[in-house]
PDB file of N, CA and C in Angstrom:
ATOM      1  N   MET A   1      -9.940  12.821  31.401  1.00  0.00           N
ATOM      2  CA  MET A   1      -9.460  11.737  30.003  1.00  0.00           C
ATOM      3  C   MET A   1      -8.015  11.313  30.102  1.00  0.00           C
ATOM      4  N   LYS A   2      -8.184   9.931  29.792  1.00  0.00           N
ATOM      5  CA  LYS A   2      -7.141   9.430  29.513  1.00  0.00           C
ATOM      6  C   LYS A   2      -6.014   9.635  28.676  1.00  0.00           C
ATOM      7  N   GLU A   3      -4.632   9.924  28.469  1.00  0.00           N
ATOM      8  CA  GLU A   3      -4.478  10.543  27.561  1.00  0.00           C
ATOM      9  C   GLU A   3      -3.568   9.399  26.450  1.00  0.00           C
ATOM     10  N   ALA A   4      -3.726   9.461  25.260  1.00  0.00           N
ATOM     11  CA  ALA A   4      -3.443   8.380  24.403  1.00  0.00           C
ATOM     12  C   ALA A   4      -2.041   8.224  24.561  1.00  0.00           C
ATOM     13  N   ALA A   5      -1.532   7.308  24.413  1.00  0.00           N
ATOM     14  CA  ALA A   5       0.497   6.630  24.618  1.00  0.00           C
ATOM     15  C   ALA A   5       0.581   6.283  22.923  1.00  0.00           C
ATOM     16  N   TYR A   6       1.085   6.787  22.149  1.00  0.00           N
ATOM     17  CA  TYR A   6       1.234   6.272  20.500  1.00  0.00           C
ATOM     18  C   TYR A   6       2.289   5.871  20.246  1.00  0.00           C
ATOM     19  N   ASP A   7       2.887   4.884  21.185  1.00  0.00           N
ATOM     20  CA  ASP A   7       3.925   4.514  21.238  1.00  0.00           C
ATOM     21  C   ASP A   7       4.461   2.850  20.327  1.00  0.00           C
ATOM     22  N   SER A   8       3.273   2.504  20.089  1.00  0.00           N
ATOM     23  CA  SER A   8       3.249   1.397  19.206  1.00  0.00           C
ATOM     24  C   SER A   8       2.015   1.635  18.144  1.00  0.00           C
ATOM     25  N   LEU A   9       2.378   2.375  17.421  1.00  0.00           N
ATOM     26  CA  LEU A   9       0.894   2.240  16.145  1.00  0.00           C
ATOM     27  C   LEU A   9       1.347   0.638  15.140  1.00  0.00           C
ATOM     28  N   VAL A  10       0.135   0.612  14.511  1.00  0.00           N
ATOM     29  CA  VAL A  10      -0.289  -0.217  13.942  1.00  0.00           C
ATOM     30  C   VAL A  10      -1.397  -0.149  12.967  1.00  0.00           C
ATOM     31  N   GLU A  11      -1.155  -0.086  11.339  1.00  0.00           N
ATOM     32  CA  GLU A  11      -2.027  -0.242  10.720  1.00  0.00           C
ATOM     33  C   GLU A  11      -3.352  -0.846  10.444  1.00  0.00           C
ATOM     34  N   VAL A  12      -4.145  -0.275  10.319  1.00  0.00           N
ATOM     35  CA  VAL A  12      -5.787  -0.658  10.669  1.00  0.00           C
ATOM     36  C   VAL A  12      -6.395  -0.885   9.230  1.00  0.00           C
ATOM     37  N   PHE A  13      -6.037   0.033   8.226  1.00  0.00           N
ATOM     38  CA  PHE A  13      -6.545   0.759   7.056  1.00  0.00           C
ATOM     39  C   PHE A  13      -5.568   1.267   6.261  1.00  0.00           C
ATOM     40  N   ARG A  14      -5.463   0.937   5.039  1.00  0.00           N
ATOM     41  CA  ARG A  14      -5.151   1.902   3.810  1.00  0.00           C
ATOM     42  C   ARG A  14      -6.014   1.720   2.380  1.00  0.00           C
ATOM     43  N   GLY A  15      -6.151   3.613   2.096  1.00  0.00           N
ATOM     44  CA  GLY A  15      -6.470   3.750   1.033  1.00  0.00           C
ATOM     45  C   GLY A  15      -6.308   5.268   0.556  1.00  0.00           C
ATOM     46  N   ASN A  16      -7.399   6.282  -0.010  1.00  0.00           N
ATOM     47  CA  ASN A  16      -7.302   7.374  -0.642  1.00  0.00           C
ATOM     48  C   ASN A  16      -7.509   8.289   1.099  1.00  0.00           C
ATOM     49  N   LEU A  17      -7.387   9.413   0.746  1.00  0.00           N
ATOM     50  CA  LEU A  17      -7.654  10.422   2.022  1.00  0.00           C
ATOM     51  C   LEU A  17      -9.179  10.379   2.464  1.00  0.00           C
ATOM     52  N   TRP A  18      -9.766  10.426   1.728  1.00  0.00           N
ATOM     53  CA  TRP A  18     -11.360  10.523   1.997  1.00  0.00           C
ATOM     54  C   TRP A  18     -11.890   9.453   2.603  1.00  0.00           C
ATOM     55  N   GLU A  19     -11.617   8.067   2.122  1.00  0.00           N
ATOM     56  CA  GLU A  19     -11.496   6.918   3.061  1.00  0.00           C
ATOM     57  C   GLU A  19     -10.994   7.216   4.318  1.00  0.00           C
ATOM     58  N   ALA A  20     -10.106   7.261   4.324  1.00  0.00           N
ATOM     59  CA  ALA A  20      -9.382   7.249   5.485  1.00  0.00           C
ATOM     60  C   ALA A  20     -10.097   8.220   6.581  1.00  0.00           C
ATOM     61  N   GLU A  21     -10.300   8.895   5.683  1.00  0.00           N
ATOM     62  CA  GLU A  21     -11.117  10.292   7.492  1.00  0.00           C
ATOM     63  C   GLU A  21     -12.193   9.123   7.446  1.00  0.00           C
ATOM     64  N   VAL A  22     -13.260   8.445   6.830  1.00  0.00           N
ATOM     65  CA  VAL A  22     -14.103   8.034   7.192  1.00  0.00           C
ATOM     66  C   VAL A  22     -13.997   7.105   8.227  1.00  0.00           C
ATOM     67  N   VAL A  23     -12.666   6.318   7.651  1.00  0.00           N
ATOM     68  CA  VAL A  23     -12.311   4.900   8.725  1.00  0.00           C
ATOM     69  C   VAL A  23     -12.321   5.722  10.279  1.00  0.00           C
ATOM     70  N   LYS A  24     -11.510   6.268  10.030  1.00  0.00           N
ATOM     71  CA  LYS A  24     -10.963   7.361  11.466  1.00  0.00           C
ATOM     72  C   LYS A  24     -12.357   7.702  12.236  1.00  0.00           C
ATOM     73  N   GLY A  25     -13.179   8.140  11.660  1.00  0.00           N
ATOM     74  CA  GLY A  25     -15.021   8.713  11.773  1.00  0.00           C
ATOM     75  C   GLY A  25     -14.871   7.191  12.169  1.00  0.00           C
ATOM     76  N   LEU A  26     -14.901   6.620  11.877  1.00  0.00           N
ATOM     77  CA  LEU A  26     -15.780   5.368  12.322  1.00  0.00           C
ATOM     78  C   LEU A  26     -15.150   4.423  13.617  1.00  0.00           C
ATOM     79  N   LEU A  27     -14.025   4.662  13.861  1.00  0.00           N
ATOM     80  CA  LEU A  27     -13.090   4.221  14.917  1.00  0.00           C
ATOM     81  C   LEU A  27     -12.989   5.363  16.142  1.00  0.00           C
ATOM     82  N   GLN A  28     -13.440   6.387  15.863  1.00  0.00           N
ATOM     83  CA  GLN A  28     -13.501   7.204  17.066  1.00  0.00           C
ATOM     84  C   GLN A  28     -14.793   7.271  17.522  1.00  0.00           C
ATOM     85  N   SER A  29     -15.853   7.371  16.728  1.00  0.00           N
ATOM     86  CA  SER A  29     -17.378   7.064  16.960  1.00  0.00           C
ATOM     87  C   SER A  29     -17.394   5.623  17.958  1.00  0.00           C
ATOM     88  N   ALA A  30     -16.549   4.776  17.797  1.00  0.00           N
ATOM     89  CA  ALA A  30     -16.407   3.240  18.529  1.00  0.00           C
ATOM     90  C   ALA A  30     -15.714   3.295  19.725  1.00  0.00           C
ATOM     91  N   GLY A  31     -15.006   4.438  20.251  1.00  0.00           N
ATOM     92  CA  GLY A  31     -14.190   4.864  21.013  1.00  0.00           C
ATOM     93  C   GLY A  31     -12.429   4.522  20.995  1.00  0.00           C
ATOM     94  N   VAL A  32     -11.995   4.434  19.709  1.00  0.00           N
ATOM     95  CA  VAL A  32     -10.811   4.200  19.648  1.00  0.00           C
ATOM     96  C   VAL A  32     -10.029   5.247  19.019  1.00  0.00           C
ATOM     97  N   GLU A  33      -9.038   5.540  19.579  1.00  0.00           N
ATOM     98  CA  GLU A  33      -8.064   6.705  19.094  1.00  0.00           C
ATOM     99  C   GLU A  33      -7.648   6.502  17.768  1.00  0.00           C
ATOM    100  N   ALA A  34      -7.645   7.011  17.058  1.00  0.00           N
ATOM    101  CA  ALA A  34      -7.238   6.888  15.531  1.00  0.00           C
ATOM    102  C   ALA A  34      -6.136   8.167  15.065  1.00  0.00           C
ATOM    103  N   MET A  35      -5.063   7.468  14.246  1.00  0.00           N
ATOM    104  CA  MET A  35      -4.570   9.109  13.606  1.00  0.00           C
ATOM    105  C   MET A  35      -4.513   8.306  11.930  1.00  0.00           C
ATOM    106  N   ILE A  36      -3.904   9.642  10.703  1.00  0.00           N
ATOM    107  CA  ILE A  36      -3.835   9.390   9.755  1.00  0.00           C
ATOM    108  C   ILE A  36      -2.644   9.492   9.570  1.00  0.00           C
ATOM    109  N   LYS A  37      -1.963   8.603   8.789  1.00  0.00           N
ATOM    110  CA  LYS A  37      -0.256   8.924   8.033  1.00  0.00           C
ATOM    111  C   LYS A  37      -0.747   9.100   6.927  1.00  0.00           C
ATOM    112  N   ASP A  38      -0.125   9.791   6.035  1.00  0.00           N
ATOM    113  CA  ASP A  38      -0.149   9.692   4.920  1.00  0.00           C
ATOM    114  C   ASP A  38       1.430   9.846   4.131  1.00  0.00           C
ATOM    115  N   GLN A  39       1.797   8.525   3.361  1.00  0.00           N
ATOM    116  CA  GLN A  39       3.122   8.405   2.686  1.00  0.00           C
ATOM    117  C   GLN A  39       3.088   9.401   1.370  1.00  0.00           C
ATOM    118  N   SER A  40       2.669  10.015   1.012  1.00  0.00           N
ATOM    119  CA  SER A  40       2.854  10.396  -0.209  1.00  0.00           C
ATOM    120  C   SER A  40       2.957  12.177  -0.356  1.00  0.00           C
ATOM    121  N   ILE A  41       3.873  12.732  -0.584  1.00  0.00           N
ATOM    122  CA  ILE A  41       4.308  14.221  -0.892  1.00  0.00           C
ATOM    123  C   ILE A  41       2.960  14.875  -1.573  1.00  0.00           C
ATOM    124  N   GLY A  42       2.505  14.139  -2.326  1.00  0.00           N
ATOM    125  CA  GLY A  42       1.110  14.818  -3.223  1.00  0.00           C
ATOM    126  C   GLY A  42       0.106  15.704  -1.879  1.00  0.00           C
ATOM    127  N   ALA A  43      -0.143  14.966  -0.929  1.00  0.00           N
ATOM    128  CA  ALA A  43      -1.217  15.504  -0.358  1.00  0.00           C
ATOM    129  C   ALA A  43      -0.634  16.498   0.333  1.00  0.00           C
ATOM    130  N   VAL A  44       0.066  17.461   0.394  1.00  0.00           N
ATOM    131  CA  VAL A  44       0.431  18.698   0.888  1.00  0.00           C
ATOM    132  C   VAL A  44       0.009  19.643  -0.156  1.00  0.00           C
ATOM    133  N   SER A  45       0.954  19.053  -1.270  1.00  0.00           N
ATOM    134  CA  SER A  45       0.079  20.102  -1.989  1.00  0.00           C
ATOM    135  C   SER A  45      -1.565  19.862  -2.738  1.00  0.00           C
ATOM    136  N   SER A  46      -1.911  18.936  -2.639  1.00  0.00           N
ATOM    137  CA  SER A  46      -3.240  18.308  -3.325  1.00  0.00           C
ATOM    138  C   SER A  46      -3.759  17.017  -2.447  1.00  0.00           C
ATOM    139  N   PRO A  47      -4.171  17.830  -1.127  1.00  0.00           N
ATOM    140  CA  PRO A  47      -4.750  16.523  -0.395  1.00  0.00           C
ATOM    141  C   PRO A  47      -5.954  15.641  -0.681  1.00  0.00           C
ATOM    142  N   TYR A  48      -6.688  15.892  -1.446  1.00  0.00           N
ATOM    143  CA  TYR A  48      -8.037  15.264  -2.296  1.00  0.00           C
ATOM    144  C   TYR A  48      -7.954  14.822  -3.340  1.00  0.00           C
ATOM    145  N   LEU A  49      -6.494  14.823  -3.702  1.00  0.00           N
ATOM    146  CA  LEU A  49      -6.295  14.003  -4.967  1.00  0.00           C
ATOM    147  C   LEU A  49      -5.858  12.265  -5.007  1.00  0.00           C
ATOM    148  N   ASP A  50      -5.905  11.612  -5.633  1.00  0.00           N
ATOM    149  CA  ASP A  50      -6.507  10.494  -5.838  1.00  0.00           C
ATOM    150  C   ASP A  50      -4.490   9.950  -4.878  1.00  0.00           C
ATOM    151  N   SER A  51      -4.552   9.562  -4.201  1.00  0.00           N
ATOM    152  CA  SER A  51      -3.174   9.639  -3.754  1.00  0.00           C
ATOM    153  C   SER A  51      -2.687   7.756  -3.703  1.00  0.00           C
ATOM    154  N   GLY A  52      -3.492   7.328  -4.189  1.00  0.00           N
ATOM    155  CA  GLY A  52      -3.080   5.945  -4.542  1.00  0.00           C
ATOM    156  C   GLY A  52      -2.630   5.071  -3.646  1.00  0.00           C
ATOM    157  N   GLY A  53      -3.975   5.361  -2.748  1.00  0.00           N
ATOM    158  CA  GLY A  53      -4.286   3.789  -1.495  1.00  0.00           C
ATOM    159  C   GLY A  53      -2.704   4.525  -0.531  1.00  0.00           C
ATOM    160  N   ASN A  54      -1.831   5.403  -0.792  1.00  0.00           N
ATOM    161  CA  ASN A  54      -0.749   5.311   0.233  1.00  0.00           C
ATOM    162  C   ASN A  54      -1.473   6.436   2.122  1.00  0.00           C
ATOM    163  N   VAL A  55      -2.573   6.395   2.138  1.00  0.00           N
ATOM    164  CA  VAL A  55      -2.887   7.244   3.033  1.00  0.00           C
ATOM    165  C   VAL A  55      -3.128   5.907   4.268  1.00  0.00           C
ATOM    166  N   LEU A  56      -2.848   5.827   5.475  1.00  0.00           N
ATOM    167  CA  LEU A  56      -3.257   4.816   6.450  1.00  0.00           C
ATOM    168  C   LEU A  56      -3.919   5.257   7.905  1.00  0.00           C
ATOM    169  N   VAL A  57      -4.652   4.770   8.038  1.00  0.00           N
ATOM    170  CA  VAL A  57      -5.170   4.711   9.627  1.00  0.00           C
ATOM    171  C   VAL A  57      -4.337   3.581  10.800  1.00  0.00           C
ATOM    172  N   MET A  58      -4.202   4.520  11.491  1.00  0.00           N
ATOM    173  CA  MET A  58      -2.829   3.899  12.233  1.00  0.00           C
ATOM    174  C   MET A  58      -3.767   3.889  13.483  1.00  0.00           C
ATOM    175  N   VAL A  59      -3.490   2.557  14.761  1.00  0.00           N
ATOM    176  CA  VAL A  59      -3.857   3.006  16.341  1.00  0.00           C
ATOM    177  C   VAL A  59      -3.072   2.408  16.714  1.00  0.00           C
ATOM    178  N   ASN A  60      -3.273   2.309  18.563  1.00  0.00           N
ATOM    179  CA  ASN A  60      -2.849   1.714  19.140  1.00  0.00           C
ATOM    180  C   ASN A  60      -2.345   0.391  19.116  1.00  0.00           C
ATOM    181  N   LYS A  61      -1.454  -0.400  18.988  1.00  0.00           N
ATOM    182  CA  LYS A  61      -1.384  -2.008  19.132  1.00  0.00           C
ATOM    183  C   LYS A  61      -2.149  -2.626  20.132  1.00  0.00           C
ATOM    184  N   GLU A  62      -2.890  -2.210  21.176  1.00  0.00           N
ATOM    185  CA  GLU A  62      -3.627  -2.798  21.972  1.00  0.00           C
ATOM    186  C   GLU A  62      -5.125  -2.951  21.641  1.00  0.00           C
ATOM    187  N   GLU A  63      -5.624  -1.691  20.516  1.00  0.00           N
ATOM    188  CA  GLU A  63      -6.556  -1.588  20.555  1.00  0.00           C
ATOM    189  C   GLU A  63      -6.693  -1.881  18.744  1.00  0.00           C
ATOM    190  N   GLU A  64      -5.568  -2.470  17.785  1.00  0.00           N
ATOM    191  CA  GLU A  64      -5.733  -3.285  16.629  1.00  0.00           C
ATOM    192  C   GLU A  64      -6.806  -4.166  16.435  1.00  0.00           C
ATOM    193  N   VAL A  65      -7.119  -5.516  17.545  1.00  0.00           N
ATOM    194  CA  VAL A  65      -8.812  -6.395  17.053  1.00  0.00           C
ATOM    195  C   VAL A  65      -9.142  -5.854  17.012  1.00  0.00           C
ATOM    196  N   TYR A  66      -9.871  -4.794  18.051  1.00  0.00           N
ATOM    197  CA  TYR A  66     -11.275  -4.185  17.939  1.00  0.00           C
ATOM    198  C   TYR A  66     -11.295  -3.698  16.487  1.00  0.00           C
ATOM    199  N   ALA A  67     -10.170  -2.819  16.567  1.00  0.00           N
ATOM    200  CA  ALA A  67     -10.780  -1.907  15.662  1.00  0.00           C
ATOM    201  C   ALA A  67     -10.501  -2.106  14.141  1.00  0.00           C
ATOM    202  N   LYS A  68      -9.916  -3.828  13.921  1.00  0.00           N
ATOM    203  CA  LYS A  68      -9.326  -4.011  12.531  1.00  0.00           C
ATOM    204  C   LYS A  68     -11.613  -4.887  12.544  1.00  0.00           C
ATOM    205  N   LYS A  69     -11.922  -5.106  13.663  1.00  0.00           N
ATOM    206  CA  LYS A  69     -13.651  -5.759  13.745  1.00  0.00           C
ATOM    207  C   LYS A  69     -14.484  -4.457  13.209  1.00  0.00           C
ATOM    208  N   VAL A  70     -13.914  -3.414  13.927  1.00  0.00           N
ATOM    209  CA  VAL A  70     -14.645  -2.019  13.615  1.00  0.00           C
ATOM    210  C   VAL A  70     -14.762  -1.778  12.179  1.00  0.00           C
ATOM    211  N   VAL A  71     -13.628  -1.596  11.597  1.00  0.00           N
ATOM    212  CA  VAL A  71     -13.488  -1.604   9.983  1.00  0.00           C
ATOM    213  C   VAL A  71     -14.311  -2.463   9.502  1.00  0.00           C
ATOM    214  N   ALA A  72     -14.225  -3.866   9.412  1.00  0.00           N
ATOM    215  CA  ALA A  72     -14.485  -4.538   8.722  1.00  0.00           C
ATOM    216  C   ALA A  72     -15.606  -4.885   8.792  1.00  0.00           C
ATOM    217  N   GLU A  73     -16.535  -4.696   9.830  1.00  0.00           N
ATOM    218  CA  GLU A  73     -18.012  -4.644   9.705  1.00  0.00           C
ATOM    219  C   GLU A  73     -18.773  -3.044   9.180  1.00  0.00           C
ATOM    220  N   LYS A  74     -17.890  -1.917   9.248  1.00  0.00           N
ATOM    221  CA  LYS A  74     -18.636  -0.773   8.832  1.00  0.00           C
ATOM    222  C   LYS A  74     -17.753  -0.673   7.556  1.00  0.00           C
ATOM    223  N   HIS A  75     -17.096  -0.471   6.977  1.00  0.00           N
ATOM    224  CA  HIS A  75     -16.534  -0.366   5.732  1.00  0.00           C
ATOM    225  C   HIS A  75     -16.687  -1.644   4.938  1.00  0.00           C
ATOM    226  N   PRO A  76     -17.260  -1.705   3.684  1.00  0.00           N
ATOM    227  CA  PRO A  76     -16.927  -3.038   3.125  1.00  0.00           C
ATOM    228  C   PRO A  76     -15.444  -3.503   2.273  1.00  0.00           C
TER     229      PRO A  76
END
């Protein structure tokens, strides 16, 4: 299995935590390695409260175009 190198991550989605988890799952099922980055400290104490759209789904720069296409097709 190829080891992922996250040298240059780019944002492909921004929303709350549960939306980001759904998008991450969509990307992973399409073969795109994705990670979630939370920009709010509130996620530490209350991870499923509305974070105000501060949760990002990040992918490798090389997969950005395909990942954005997957997100656009699957997540209105």
